[in-house]
Amino acid sequence: MEQSFSRQCGRIYAARDKNGALVAAIWCIWDHRSCYYFMSSRMATAHDGAISLLLWQAIQDAAQLGLIFDFDGVSSNESVAFFSGFGGRLTPRFKATRTSAAGRLVWEFKELRRPNRFLC
């Protein structure tokens, strides 16, 4: 985190409640081409839209810098629905892995059991 700040390629966005208490935060980092949504955290008592508000601000800042905003992967169907609400377009990301034959069988079995495996 410190390196991203010292190199001026990272920012923490924070949301506070009406009493000034910190309730949510996101951390974004960027390079010459893209701004990446790296991580977030929120209190259980935070408003449901706190992270969305912070993401929207980060998206606007990235656009102002001429950067692509990258949610850095979609891990679930819920993520697809959430990220799609911000507009933009989904772009496939491919991942190559190497495994043993037994490892491949285990992975294939898990994939068959995953609900809605064709959505994301």
PDB file of N, CA and C in Angstrom:
ATOM      1  N   MET A   1       0.826  -1.180   0.000  1.00  0.00           N
ATOM      2  CA  MET A   1       0.000   0.000   0.000  1.00  0.00           C
ATOM      3  C   MET A   1       0.875   1.250   0.000  1.00  0.00           C
ATOM      4  N   GLU A   2       1.871   1.256   0.857  1.00  0.00           N
ATOM      5  CA  GLU A   2       2.748   2.426   0.946  1.00  0.00           C
ATOM      6  C   GLU A   2       3.426   2.720  -0.385  1.00  0.00           C
ATOM      7  N   GLN A   3       3.821   1.665  -1.104  1.00  0.00           N
ATOM      8  CA  GLN A   3       4.485   1.863  -2.392  1.00  0.00           C
ATOM      9  C   GLN A   3       3.551   2.528  -3.404  1.00  0.00           C
ATOM     10  N   SER A   4       2.278   2.137  -3.390  1.00  0.00           N
ATOM     11  CA  SER A   4       1.353   2.758  -4.349  1.00  0.00           C
ATOM     12  C   SER A   4       1.172   4.239  -4.037  1.00  0.00           C
ATOM     13  N   PHE A   5       1.211   4.600  -2.760  1.00  0.00           N
ATOM     14  CA  PHE A   5       1.073   6.013  -2.393  1.00  0.00           C
ATOM     15  C   PHE A   5       2.346   6.789  -2.705  1.00  0.00           C
ATOM     16  N   SER A   6       3.498   6.211  -2.394  1.00  0.00           N
ATOM     17  CA  SER A   6       4.754   6.919  -2.649  1.00  0.00           C
ATOM     18  C   SER A   6       4.986   7.099  -4.153  1.00  0.00           C
ATOM     19  N   ARG A   7       4.464   6.189  -4.958  1.00  0.00           N
ATOM     20  CA  ARG A   7       4.593   6.295  -6.415  1.00  0.00           C
ATOM     21  C   ARG A   7       3.408   7.032  -7.046  1.00  0.00           C
ATOM     22  N   GLN A   8       2.519   7.497  -6.224  1.00  0.00           N
ATOM     23  CA  GLN A   8       1.318   8.222  -6.657  1.00  0.00           C
ATOM     24  C   GLN A   8       0.501   7.419  -7.674  1.00  0.00           C
ATOM     25  N   CYS A   9       0.291   6.139  -7.335  1.00  0.00           N
ATOM     26  CA  CYS A   9      -0.521   5.290  -8.219  1.00  0.00           C
ATOM     27  C   CYS A   9      -1.520   4.477  -7.392  1.00  0.00           C
ATOM     28  N   GLY A  10      -2.007   5.058  -6.309  1.00  0.00           N
ATOM     29  CA  GLY A  10      -3.009   4.398  -5.492  1.00  0.00           C
ATOM     30  C   GLY A  10      -3.785   5.408  -4.672  1.00  0.00           C
ATOM     31  N   ARG A  11      -5.005   5.038  -4.329  1.00  0.00           N
ATOM     32  CA  ARG A  11      -5.853   5.942  -3.545  1.00  0.00           C
ATOM     33  C   ARG A  11      -6.852   5.121  -2.736  1.00  0.00           C
ATOM     34  N   ILE A  12      -7.088   5.575  -1.524  1.00  0.00           N
ATOM     35  CA  ILE A  12      -8.139   4.998  -0.688  1.00  0.00           C
ATOM     36  C   ILE A  12      -9.303   5.982  -0.692  1.00  0.00           C
ATOM     37  N   TYR A  13     -10.476   5.467  -0.982  1.00  0.00           N
ATOM     38  CA  TYR A  13     -11.712   6.256  -0.914  1.00  0.00           C
ATOM     39  C   TYR A  13     -12.433   5.809   0.350  1.00  0.00           C
ATOM     40  N   ALA A  14     -12.924   6.752   1.124  1.00  0.00           N
ATOM     41  CA  ALA A  14     -13.560   6.411   2.394  1.00  0.00           C
ATOM     42  C   ALA A  14     -14.927   7.071   2.516  1.00  0.00           C
ATOM     43  N   ALA A  15     -15.838   6.370   3.163  1.00  0.00           N
ATOM     44  CA  ALA A  15     -17.178   6.904   3.444  1.00  0.00           C
ATOM     45  C   ALA A  15     -17.358   6.969   4.951  1.00  0.00           C
ATOM     46  N   ARG A  16     -17.951   8.046   5.393  1.00  0.00           N
ATOM     47  CA  ARG A  16     -18.197   8.245   6.818  1.00  0.00           C
ATOM     48  C   ARG A  16     -19.687   8.444   7.059  1.00  0.00           C
ATOM     49  N   ASP A  17     -20.131   8.083   8.234  1.00  0.00           N
ATOM     50  CA  ASP A  17     -21.540   8.284   8.563  1.00  0.00           C
ATOM     51  C   ASP A  17     -21.752   9.726   9.017  1.00  0.00           C
ATOM     52  N   LYS A  18     -22.982  10.065   9.390  1.00  0.00           N
ATOM     53  CA  LYS A  18     -23.304  11.449   9.759  1.00  0.00           C
ATOM     54  C   LYS A  18     -22.556  11.924  10.998  1.00  0.00           C
ATOM     55  N   ASN A  19     -22.028  10.987  11.787  1.00  0.00           N
ATOM     56  CA  ASN A  19     -21.246  11.355  12.971  1.00  0.00           C
ATOM     57  C   ASN A  19     -19.750  11.425  12.680  1.00  0.00           C
ATOM     58  N   GLY A  20     -19.372  11.166  11.439  1.00  0.00           N
ATOM     59  CA  GLY A  20     -17.975  11.229  11.053  1.00  0.00           C
ATOM     60  C   GLY A  20     -17.209   9.931  11.224  1.00  0.00           C
ATOM     61  N   ALA A  21     -17.880   8.872  11.629  1.00  0.00           N
ATOM     62  CA  ALA A  21     -17.211   7.582  11.813  1.00  0.00           C
ATOM     63  C   ALA A  21     -17.000   6.897  10.455  1.00  0.00           C
ATOM     64  N   LEU A  22     -15.841   6.322  10.267  1.00  0.00           N
ATOM     65  CA  LEU A  22     -15.523   5.595   9.049  1.00  0.00           C
ATOM     66  C   LEU A  22     -16.392   4.340   8.962  1.00  0.00           C
ATOM     67  N   VAL A  23     -17.117   4.173   7.842  1.00  0.00           N
ATOM     68  CA  VAL A  23     -17.999   3.007   7.697  1.00  0.00           C
ATOM     69  C   VAL A  23     -17.662   2.135   6.494  1.00  0.00           C
ATOM     70  N   ALA A  24     -16.947   2.683   5.515  1.00  0.00           N
ATOM     71  CA  ALA A  24     -16.602   1.903   4.326  1.00  0.00           C
ATOM     72  C   ALA A  24     -15.388   2.515   3.648  1.00  0.00           C
ATOM     73  N   ALA A  25     -14.634   1.676   2.959  1.00  0.00           N
ATOM     74  CA  ALA A  25     -13.469   2.164   2.216  1.00  0.00           C
ATOM     75  C   ALA A  25     -13.153   1.209   1.076  1.00  0.00           C
ATOM     76  N   ILE A  26     -12.603   1.762   0.004  1.00  0.00           N
ATOM     77  CA  ILE A  26     -12.079   0.955  -1.092  1.00  0.00           C
ATOM     78  C   ILE A  26     -10.667   1.439  -1.395  1.00  0.00           C
ATOM     79  N   TRP A  27      -9.860   0.555  -1.949  1.00  0.00           N
ATOM     80  CA  TRP A  27      -8.500   0.896  -2.353  1.00  0.00           C
ATOM     81  C   TRP A  27      -8.372   0.610  -3.832  1.00  0.00           C
ATOM     82  N   CYS A  28      -7.957   1.603  -4.590  1.00  0.00           N
ATOM     83  CA  CYS A  28      -7.737   1.459  -6.020  1.00  0.00           C
ATOM     84  C   CYS A  28      -6.270   1.745  -6.323  1.00  0.00           C
ATOM     85  N   ILE A  29      -5.723   1.004  -7.268  1.00  0.00           N
ATOM     86  CA  ILE A  29      -4.364   1.236  -7.740  1.00  0.00           C
ATOM     87  C   ILE A  29      -4.408   1.357  -9.258  1.00  0.00           C
ATOM     88  N   TRP A  30      -3.422   2.015  -9.846  1.00  0.00           N
ATOM     89  CA  TRP A  30      -3.448   2.180 -11.291  1.00  0.00           C
ATOM     90  C   TRP A  30      -2.055   2.144 -11.883  1.00  0.00           C
ATOM     91  N   ASP A  31      -2.062   1.906 -13.204  1.00  0.00           N
ATOM     92  CA  ASP A  31      -0.846   1.967 -14.007  1.00  0.00           C
ATOM     93  C   ASP A  31      -1.098   2.972 -15.117  1.00  0.00           C
ATOM     94  N   HIS A  32      -0.333   2.918 -16.173  1.00  0.00           N
ATOM     95  CA  HIS A  32      -0.478   3.890 -17.261  1.00  0.00           C
ATOM     96  C   HIS A  32      -1.751   3.696 -18.089  1.00  0.00           C
ATOM     97  N   ARG A  33      -2.439   2.552 -17.917  1.00  0.00           N
ATOM     98  CA  ARG A  33      -3.597   2.245 -18.754  1.00  0.00           C
ATOM     99  C   ARG A  33      -4.898   2.068 -17.982  1.00  0.00           C
ATOM    100  N   SER A  34      -4.831   1.456 -16.798  1.00  0.00           N
ATOM    101  CA  SER A  34      -6.049   1.068 -16.084  1.00  0.00           C
ATOM    102  C   SER A  34      -5.984   1.419 -14.601  1.00  0.00           C
ATOM    103  N   CYS A  35      -7.161   1.641 -14.044  1.00  0.00           N
ATOM    104  CA  CYS A  35      -7.337   1.804 -12.607  1.00  0.00           C
ATOM    105  C   CYS A  35      -8.035   0.533 -12.126  1.00  0.00           C
ATOM    106  N   TYR A  36      -7.458  -0.122 -11.114  1.00  0.00           N
ATOM    107  CA  TYR A  36      -7.966  -1.407 -10.644  1.00  0.00           C
ATOM    108  C   TYR A  36      -8.626  -1.277  -9.272  1.00  0.00           C
ATOM    109  N   TYR A  37      -9.825  -1.787  -9.175  1.00  0.00           N
ATOM    110  CA  TYR A  37     -10.520  -1.917  -7.888  1.00  0.00           C
ATOM    111  C   TYR A  37      -9.830  -3.055  -7.166  1.00  0.00           C
ATOM    112  N   PHE A  38      -9.039  -2.737  -6.147  1.00  0.00           N
ATOM    113  CA  PHE A  38      -8.180  -3.730  -5.534  1.00  0.00           C
ATOM    114  C   PHE A  38      -8.822  -4.406  -4.325  1.00  0.00           C
ATOM    115  N   MET A  39      -9.414  -3.627  -3.428  1.00  0.00           N
ATOM    116  CA  MET A  39     -10.085  -4.243  -2.278  1.00  0.00           C
ATOM    117  C   MET A  39     -11.030  -3.244  -1.623  1.00  0.00           C
ATOM    118  N   SER A  40     -11.928  -3.786  -0.796  1.00  0.00           N
ATOM    119  CA  SER A  40     -12.876  -2.934  -0.082  1.00  0.00           C
ATOM    120  C   SER A  40     -13.206  -3.552   1.263  1.00  0.00           C
ATOM    121  N   SER A  41     -13.760  -2.704   2.120  1.00  0.00           N
ATOM    122  CA  SER A  41     -14.210  -3.158   3.434  1.00  0.00           C
ATOM    123  C   SER A  41     -15.306  -2.212   3.897  1.00  0.00           C
ATOM    124  N   ARG A  42     -16.228  -2.753   4.673  1.00  0.00           N
ATOM    125  CA  ARG A  42     -17.273  -1.896   5.228  1.00  0.00           C
ATOM    126  C   ARG A  42     -17.771  -2.475   6.540  1.00  0.00           C
ATOM    127  N   MET A  43     -18.251  -1.591   7.368  1.00  0.00           N
ATOM    128  CA  MET A  43     -18.855  -2.004   8.631  1.00  0.00           C
ATOM    129  C   MET A  43     -20.224  -2.609   8.323  1.00  0.00           C
ATOM    130  N   ALA A  44     -20.666  -3.511   9.155  1.00  0.00           N
ATOM    131  CA  ALA A  44     -21.981  -4.127   8.971  1.00  0.00           C
ATOM    132  C   ALA A  44     -23.081  -3.076   9.057  1.00  0.00           C
ATOM    133  N   THR A  45     -22.817  -1.991   9.759  1.00  0.00           N
ATOM    134  CA  THR A  45     -23.813  -0.931   9.939  1.00  0.00           C
ATOM    135  C   THR A  45     -23.805   0.090   8.804  1.00  0.00           C
ATOM    136  N   ALA A  46     -22.892  -0.044   7.855  1.00  0.00           N
ATOM    137  CA  ALA A  46     -22.808   0.911   6.744  1.00  0.00           C
ATOM    138  C   ALA A  46     -24.041   0.789   5.850  1.00  0.00           C
ATOM    139  N   HIS A  47     -24.397   1.881   5.224  1.00  0.00           N
ATOM    140  CA  HIS A  47     -25.491   1.878   4.254  1.00  0.00           C
ATOM    141  C   HIS A  47     -25.139   0.930   3.117  1.00  0.00           C
ATOM    142  N   ASP A  48     -26.133   0.235   2.568  1.00  0.00           N
ATOM    143  CA  ASP A  48     -25.893  -0.731   1.490  1.00  0.00           C
ATOM    144  C   ASP A  48     -25.232  -0.096   0.262  1.00  0.00           C
ATOM    145  N   GLY A  49     -25.433   1.186   0.069  1.00  0.00           N
ATOM    146  CA  GLY A  49     -24.863   1.851  -1.101  1.00  0.00           C
ATOM    147  C   GLY A  49     -23.506   2.486  -0.872  1.00  0.00           C
ATOM    148  N   ALA A  50     -22.910   2.303   0.296  1.00  0.00           N
ATOM    149  CA  ALA A  50     -21.637   2.966   0.612  1.00  0.00           C
ATOM    150  C   ALA A  50     -20.529   2.560  -0.356  1.00  0.00           C
ATOM    151  N   ILE A  51     -20.361   1.282  -0.595  1.00  0.00           N
ATOM    152  CA  ILE A  51     -19.313   0.821  -1.511  1.00  0.00           C
ATOM    153  C   ILE A  51     -19.626   1.280  -2.933  1.00  0.00           C
ATOM    154  N   SER A  52     -20.880   1.227  -3.328  1.00  0.00           N
ATOM    155  CA  SER A  52     -21.266   1.685  -4.668  1.00  0.00           C
ATOM    156  C   SER A  52     -20.906   3.150  -4.874  1.00  0.00           C
ATOM    157  N   LEU A  53     -21.154   3.968  -3.878  1.00  0.00           N
ATOM    158  CA  LEU A  53     -20.829   5.391  -3.966  1.00  0.00           C
ATOM    159  C   LEU A  53     -19.325   5.588  -4.134  1.00  0.00           C
ATOM    160  N   LEU A  54     -18.538   4.847  -3.369  1.00  0.00           N
ATOM    161  CA  LEU A  54     -17.087   4.963  -3.471  1.00  0.00           C
ATOM    162  C   LEU A  54     -16.587   4.479  -4.830  1.00  0.00           C
ATOM    163  N   LEU A  55     -17.157   3.385  -5.321  1.00  0.00           N
ATOM    164  CA  LEU A  55     -16.779   2.892  -6.643  1.00  0.00           C
ATOM    165  C   LEU A  55     -17.116   3.897  -7.730  1.00  0.00           C
ATOM    166  N   TRP A  56     -18.273   4.511  -7.617  1.00  0.00           N
ATOM    167  CA  TRP A  56     -18.676   5.497  -8.621  1.00  0.00           C
ATOM    168  C   TRP A  56     -17.696   6.664  -8.650  1.00  0.00           C
ATOM    169  N   GLN A  57     -17.264   7.110  -7.476  1.00  0.00           N
ATOM    170  CA  GLN A  57     -16.281   8.194  -7.419  1.00  0.00           C
ATOM    171  C   GLN A  57     -14.959   7.757  -8.051  1.00  0.00           C
ATOM    172  N   ALA A  58     -14.537   6.521  -7.766  1.00  0.00           N
ATOM    173  CA  ALA A  58     -13.292   6.000  -8.341  1.00  0.00           C
ATOM    174  C   ALA A  58     -13.397   5.882  -9.865  1.00  0.00           C
ATOM    175  N   ILE A  59     -14.558   5.454 -10.365  1.00  0.00           N
ATOM    176  CA  ILE A  59     -14.773   5.352 -11.812  1.00  0.00           C
ATOM    177  C   ILE A  59     -14.675   6.736 -12.447  1.00  0.00           C
ATOM    178  N   GLN A  60     -15.286   7.725 -11.826  1.00  0.00           N
ATOM    179  CA  GLN A  60     -15.220   9.088 -12.353  1.00  0.00           C
ATOM    180  C   GLN A  60     -13.790   9.619 -12.345  1.00  0.00           C
ATOM    181  N   ASP A  61     -13.039   9.359 -11.272  1.00  0.00           N
ATOM    182  CA  ASP A  61     -11.648   9.805 -11.202  1.00  0.00           C
ATOM    183  C   ASP A  61     -10.800   9.129 -12.271  1.00  0.00           C
ATOM    184  N   ALA A  62     -11.025   7.824 -12.493  1.00  0.00           N
ATOM    185  CA  ALA A  62     -10.284   7.107 -13.522  1.00  0.00           C
ATOM    186  C   ALA A  62     -10.570   7.710 -14.901  1.00  0.00           C
ATOM    187  N   ALA A  63     -11.828   7.992 -15.167  1.00  0.00           N
ATOM    188  CA  ALA A  63     -12.201   8.589 -16.456  1.00  0.00           C
ATOM    189  C   ALA A  63     -11.533   9.957 -16.634  1.00  0.00           C
ATOM    190  N   GLN A  64     -11.466  10.723 -15.565  1.00  0.00           N
ATOM    191  CA  GLN A  64     -10.831  12.043 -15.623  1.00  0.00           C
ATOM    192  C   GLN A  64      -9.336  11.922 -15.938  1.00  0.00           C
ATOM    193  N   LEU A  65      -8.714  10.826 -15.497  1.00  0.00           N
ATOM    194  CA  LEU A  65      -7.295  10.589 -15.778  1.00  0.00           C
ATOM    195  C   LEU A  65      -7.076   9.878 -17.109  1.00  0.00           C
ATOM    196  N   GLY A  66      -8.176   9.563 -17.804  1.00  0.00           N
ATOM    197  CA  GLY A  66      -8.077   8.861 -19.085  1.00  0.00           C
ATOM    198  C   GLY A  66      -7.754   7.381 -18.936  1.00  0.00           C
ATOM    199  N   LEU A  67      -8.126   6.806 -17.797  1.00  0.00           N
ATOM    200  CA  LEU A  67      -7.834   5.403 -17.521  1.00  0.00           C
ATOM    201  C   LEU A  67      -9.085   4.540 -17.657  1.00  0.00           C
ATOM    202  N   ILE A  68      -8.892   3.281 -17.976  1.00  0.00           N
ATOM    203  CA  ILE A  68      -9.954   2.284 -17.971  1.00  0.00           C
ATOM    204  C   ILE A  68     -10.165   1.877 -16.516  1.00  0.00           C
ATOM    205  N   PHE A  69     -11.411   1.764 -16.086  1.00  0.00           N
ATOM    206  CA  PHE A  69     -11.665   1.263 -14.734  1.00  0.00           C
ATOM    207  C   PHE A  69     -11.893  -0.234 -14.827  1.00  0.00           C
ATOM    208  N   ASP A  70     -11.119  -0.991 -14.076  1.00  0.00           N
ATOM    209  CA  ASP A  70     -11.151  -2.451 -14.131  1.00  0.00           C
ATOM    210  C   ASP A  70     -11.574  -2.986 -12.769  1.00  0.00           C
ATOM    211  N   PHE A  71     -12.720  -3.688 -12.727  1.00  0.00           N
ATOM    212  CA  PHE A  71     -13.175  -4.281 -11.471  1.00  0.00           C
ATOM    213  C   PHE A  71     -12.301  -5.477 -11.082  1.00  0.00           C
ATOM    214  N   ASP A  72     -11.367  -5.843 -11.933  1.00  0.00           N
ATOM    215  CA  ASP A  72     -10.378  -6.884 -11.676  1.00  0.00           C
ATOM    216  C   ASP A  72     -10.990  -8.248 -11.427  1.00  0.00           C
ATOM    217  N   GLY A  73     -11.880  -8.632 -12.306  1.00  0.00           N
ATOM    218  CA  GLY A  73     -12.409  -9.996 -12.263  1.00  0.00           C
ATOM    219  C   GLY A  73     -13.788 -10.106 -11.660  1.00  0.00           C
ATOM    220  N   VAL A  74     -14.508 -11.073 -12.136  1.00  0.00           N
ATOM    221  CA  VAL A  74     -15.852 -11.356 -11.660  1.00  0.00           C
ATOM    222  C   VAL A  74     -15.830 -12.762 -11.083  1.00  0.00           C
ATOM    223  N   SER A  75     -16.143 -12.878  -9.812  1.00  0.00           N
ATOM    224  CA  SER A  75     -16.013 -14.178  -9.163  1.00  0.00           C
ATOM    225  C   SER A  75     -17.341 -14.884  -8.900  1.00  0.00           C
ATOM    226  N   SER A  76     -18.461 -14.200  -9.146  1.00  0.00           N
ATOM    227  CA  SER A  76     -19.749 -14.832  -8.873  1.00  0.00           C
ATOM    228  C   SER A  76     -20.844 -14.179  -9.712  1.00  0.00           C
ATOM    229  N   ASN A  77     -21.991 -14.819  -9.743  1.00  0.00           N
ATOM    230  CA  ASN A  77     -23.140 -14.251 -10.452  1.00  0.00           C
ATOM    231  C   ASN A  77     -23.565 -12.927  -9.830  1.00  0.00           C
ATOM    232  N   GLU A  78     -23.444 -12.835  -8.509  1.00  0.00           N
ATOM    233  CA  GLU A  78     -23.803 -11.593  -7.815  1.00  0.00           C
ATOM    234  C   GLU A  78     -22.893 -10.454  -8.258  1.00  0.00           C
ATOM    235  N   SER A  79     -21.603 -10.769  -8.466  1.00  0.00           N
ATOM    236  CA  SER A  79     -20.649  -9.761  -8.930  1.00  0.00           C
ATOM    237  C   SER A  79     -21.037  -9.247 -10.310  1.00  0.00           C
ATOM    238  N   VAL A  80     -21.470 -10.144 -11.184  1.00  0.00           N
ATOM    239  CA  VAL A  80     -21.894  -9.740 -12.525  1.00  0.00           C
ATOM    240  C   VAL A  80     -23.032  -8.728 -12.419  1.00  0.00           C
ATOM    241  N   ALA A  81     -24.021  -9.029 -11.608  1.00  0.00           N
ATOM    242  CA  ALA A  81     -25.169  -8.127 -11.453  1.00  0.00           C
ATOM    243  C   ALA A  81     -24.735  -6.793 -10.855  1.00  0.00           C
ATOM    244  N   PHE A  82     -23.898  -6.834  -9.832  1.00  0.00           N
ATOM    245  CA  PHE A  82     -23.448  -5.606  -9.173  1.00  0.00           C
ATOM    246  C   PHE A  82     -22.626  -4.734 -10.113  1.00  0.00           C
ATOM    247  N   PHE A  83     -21.614  -5.315 -10.761  1.00  0.00           N
ATOM    248  CA  PHE A  83     -20.728  -4.537 -11.628  1.00  0.00           C
ATOM    249  C   PHE A  83     -21.450  -4.027 -12.871  1.00  0.00           C
ATOM    250  N   SER A  84     -22.403  -4.811 -13.388  1.00  0.00           N
ATOM    251  CA  SER A  84     -23.140  -4.390 -14.579  1.00  0.00           C
ATOM    252  C   SER A  84     -23.952  -3.131 -14.335  1.00  0.00           C
ATOM    253  N   GLY A  85     -24.330  -2.909 -13.090  1.00  0.00           N
ATOM    254  CA  GLY A  85     -25.100  -1.720 -12.757  1.00  0.00           C
ATOM    255  C   GLY A  85     -24.356  -0.421 -12.977  1.00  0.00           C
ATOM    256  N   PHE A  86     -23.038  -0.485 -13.132  1.00  0.00           N
ATOM    257  CA  PHE A  86     -22.241   0.719 -13.360  1.00  0.00           C
ATOM    258  C   PHE A  86     -22.072   1.043 -14.836  1.00  0.00           C
ATOM    259  N   GLY A  87     -22.628   0.217 -15.711  1.00  0.00           N
ATOM    260  CA  GLY A  87     -22.466   0.436 -17.147  1.00  0.00           C
ATOM    261  C   GLY A  87     -21.174  -0.202 -17.625  1.00  0.00           C
ATOM    262  N   GLY A  88     -20.666   0.267 -18.726  1.00  0.00           N
ATOM    263  CA  GLY A  88     -19.441  -0.313 -19.268  1.00  0.00           C
ATOM    264  C   GLY A  88     -19.732  -1.629 -19.947  1.00  0.00           C
ATOM    265  N   ARG A  89     -18.700  -2.393 -20.197  1.00  0.00           N
ATOM    266  CA  ARG A  89     -18.895  -3.681 -20.852  1.00  0.00           C
ATOM    267  C   ARG A  89     -18.031  -4.729 -20.180  1.00  0.00           C
ATOM    268  N   LEU A  90     -18.578  -5.946 -20.152  1.00  0.00           N
ATOM    269  CA  LEU A  90     -17.822  -7.071 -19.619  1.00  0.00           C
ATOM    270  C   LEU A  90     -16.858  -7.560 -20.686  1.00  0.00           C
ATOM    271  N   THR A  91     -15.640  -7.813 -20.301  1.00  0.00           N
ATOM    272  CA  THR A  91     -14.625  -8.309 -21.214  1.00  0.00           C
ATOM    273  C   THR A  91     -14.097  -9.624 -20.671  1.00  0.00           C
ATOM    274  N   PRO A  92     -14.098 -10.671 -21.486  1.00  0.00           N
ATOM    275  CA  PRO A  92     -13.599 -11.956 -20.984  1.00  0.00           C
ATOM    276  C   PRO A  92     -12.124 -11.863 -20.595  1.00  0.00           C
ATOM    277  N   ARG A  93     -11.792 -12.576 -19.568  1.00  0.00           N
ATOM    278  CA  ARG A  93     -10.403 -12.667 -19.126  1.00  0.00           C
ATOM    279  C   ARG A  93     -10.065 -14.144 -19.042  1.00  0.00           C
ATOM    280  N   PHE A  94      -9.014 -14.529 -19.696  1.00  0.00           N
ATOM    281  CA  PHE A  94      -8.639 -15.933 -19.742  1.00  0.00           C
ATOM    282  C   PHE A  94      -7.500 -16.200 -18.771  1.00  0.00           C
ATOM    283  N   LYS A  95      -7.544 -17.376 -18.179  1.00  0.00           N
ATOM    284  CA  LYS A  95      -6.531 -17.760 -17.215  1.00  0.00           C
ATOM    285  C   LYS A  95      -6.014 -19.142 -17.591  1.00  0.00           C
ATOM    286  N   ALA A  96      -4.721 -19.247 -17.767  1.00  0.00           N
ATOM    287  CA  ALA A  96      -4.110 -20.528 -18.102  1.00  0.00           C
ATOM    288  C   ALA A  96      -3.499 -21.137 -16.844  1.00  0.00           C
ATOM    289  N   THR A  97      -3.772 -22.399 -16.626  1.00  0.00           N
ATOM    290  CA  THR A  97      -3.199 -23.088 -15.475  1.00  0.00           C
ATOM    291  C   THR A  97      -2.656 -24.437 -15.926  1.00  0.00           C
ATOM    292  N   ARG A  98      -1.753 -24.954 -15.143  1.00  0.00           N
ATOM    293  CA  ARG A  98      -1.193 -26.274 -15.411  1.00  0.00           C
ATOM    294  C   ARG A  98      -1.460 -27.134 -14.187  1.00  0.00           C
ATOM    295  N   THR A  99      -1.961 -28.341 -14.422  1.00  0.00           N
ATOM    296  CA  THR A  99      -2.288 -29.231 -13.323  1.00  0.00           C
ATOM    297  C   THR A  99      -2.101 -30.678 -13.751  1.00  0.00           C
ATOM    298  N   SER A 100      -2.126 -31.559 -12.795  1.00  0.00           N
ATOM    299  CA  SER A 100      -2.030 -32.989 -13.086  1.00  0.00           C
ATOM    300  C   SER A 100      -3.384 -33.490 -13.598  1.00  0.00           C
ATOM    301  N   ALA A 101      -3.399 -34.701 -14.118  1.00  0.00           N
ATOM    302  CA  ALA A 101      -4.652 -35.293 -14.600  1.00  0.00           C
ATOM    303  C   ALA A 101      -5.655 -35.425 -13.457  1.00  0.00           C
ATOM    304  N   ALA A 102      -5.181 -35.834 -12.276  1.00  0.00           N
ATOM    305  CA  ALA A 102      -6.076 -35.964 -11.118  1.00  0.00           C
ATOM    306  C   ALA A 102      -6.627 -34.606 -10.711  1.00  0.00           C
ATOM    307  N   GLY A 103      -5.779 -33.592 -10.727  1.00  0.00           N
ATOM    308  CA  GLY A 103      -6.225 -32.234 -10.393  1.00  0.00           C
ATOM    309  C   GLY A 103      -7.262 -31.726 -11.376  1.00  0.00           C
ATOM    310  N   ARG A 104      -7.075 -32.054 -12.641  1.00  0.00           N
ATOM    311  CA  ARG A 104      -8.032 -31.650 -13.680  1.00  0.00           C
ATOM    312  C   ARG A 104      -9.389 -32.313 -13.455  1.00  0.00           C
ATOM    313  N   LEU A 105      -9.402 -33.584 -13.082  1.00  0.00           N
ATOM    314  CA  LEU A 105     -10.652 -34.291 -12.809  1.00  0.00           C
ATOM    315  C   LEU A 105     -11.398 -33.653 -11.633  1.00  0.00           C
ATOM    316  N   VAL A 106     -10.675 -33.313 -10.598  1.00  0.00           N
ATOM    317  CA  VAL A 106     -11.289 -32.662  -9.433  1.00  0.00           C
ATOM    318  C   VAL A 106     -11.891 -31.329  -9.857  1.00  0.00           C
ATOM    319  N   TRP A 107     -11.146 -30.526 -10.646  1.00  0.00           N
ATOM    320  CA  TRP A 107     -11.640 -29.232 -11.099  1.00  0.00           C
ATOM    321  C   TRP A 107     -12.889 -29.402 -11.955  1.00  0.00           C
ATOM    322  N   GLU A 108     -12.877 -30.354 -12.889  1.00  0.00           N
ATOM    323  CA  GLU A 108     -14.040 -30.594 -13.758  1.00  0.00           C
ATOM    324  C   GLU A 108     -15.259 -30.999 -12.944  1.00  0.00           C
ATOM    325  N   PHE A 109     -15.060 -31.833 -11.951  1.00  0.00           N
ATOM    326  CA  PHE A 109     -16.170 -32.255 -11.096  1.00  0.00           C
ATOM    327  C   PHE A 109     -16.764 -31.060 -10.356  1.00  0.00           C
ATOM    328  N   LYS A 110     -15.920 -30.202  -9.822  1.00  0.00           N
ATOM    329  CA  LYS A 110     -16.411 -29.004  -9.128  1.00  0.00           C
ATOM    330  C   LYS A 110     -17.173 -28.098 -10.081  1.00  0.00           C
ATOM    331  N   GLU A 111     -16.687 -27.954 -11.307  1.00  0.00           N
ATOM    332  CA  GLU A 111     -17.357 -27.108 -12.297  1.00  0.00           C
ATOM    333  C   GLU A 111     -18.742 -27.640 -12.636  1.00  0.00           C
ATOM    334  N   LEU A 112     -18.878 -28.955 -12.741  1.00  0.00           N
ATOM    335  CA  LEU A 112     -20.183 -29.546 -13.049  1.00  0.00           C
ATOM    336  C   LEU A 112     -21.192 -29.287 -11.936  1.00  0.00           C
ATOM    337  N   ARG A 113     -20.727 -29.207 -10.710  1.00  0.00           N
ATOM    338  CA  ARG A 113     -21.611 -29.005  -9.559  1.00  0.00           C
ATOM    339  C   ARG A 113     -21.928 -27.533  -9.321  1.00  0.00           C
ATOM    340  N   ARG A 114     -21.190 -26.615  -9.964  1.00  0.00           N
ATOM    341  CA  ARG A 114     -21.394 -25.185  -9.745  1.00  0.00           C
ATOM    342  C   ARG A 114     -22.699 -24.730 -10.417  1.00  0.00           C
ATOM    343  N   PRO A 115     -23.599 -24.086  -9.672  1.00  0.00           N
ATOM    344  CA  PRO A 115     -24.850 -23.597 -10.274  1.00  0.00           C
ATOM    345  C   PRO A 115     -24.572 -22.429 -11.225  1.00  0.00           C
ATOM    346  N   ASN A 116     -25.368 -22.331 -12.258  1.00  0.00           N
ATOM    347  CA  ASN A 116     -25.272 -21.234 -13.224  1.00  0.00           C
ATOM    348  C   ASN A 116     -23.870 -21.072 -13.787  1.00  0.00           C
ATOM    349  N   ARG A 117     -23.215 -22.157 -14.115  1.00  0.00           N
ATOM    350  CA  ARG A 117     -21.833 -22.089 -14.565  1.00  0.00           C
ATOM    351  C   ARG A 117     -21.686 -21.446 -15.937  1.00  0.00           C
ATOM    352  N   PHE A 118     -22.794 -21.237 -16.627  1.00  0.00           N
ATOM    353  CA  PHE A 118     -22.710 -20.651 -17.958  1.00  0.00           C
ATOM    354  C   PHE A 118     -22.871 -19.139 -17.933  1.00  0.00           C
ATOM    355  N   LEU A 119     -23.206 -18.568 -16.771  1.00  0.00           N
ATOM    356  CA  LEU A 119     -23.405 -17.117 -16.697  1.00  0.00           C
ATOM    357  C   LEU A 119     -22.096 -16.374 -16.625  1.00  0.00           C
ATOM    358  N   CYS A 120     -21.170 -16.864 -15.839  1.00  0.00           N
ATOM    359  CA  CYS A 120     -19.907 -16.144 -15.731  1.00  0.00           C
ATOM    360  C   CYS A 120     -18.733 -17.087 -15.777  1.00  0.00           C
TER     361      CYS A 120
END
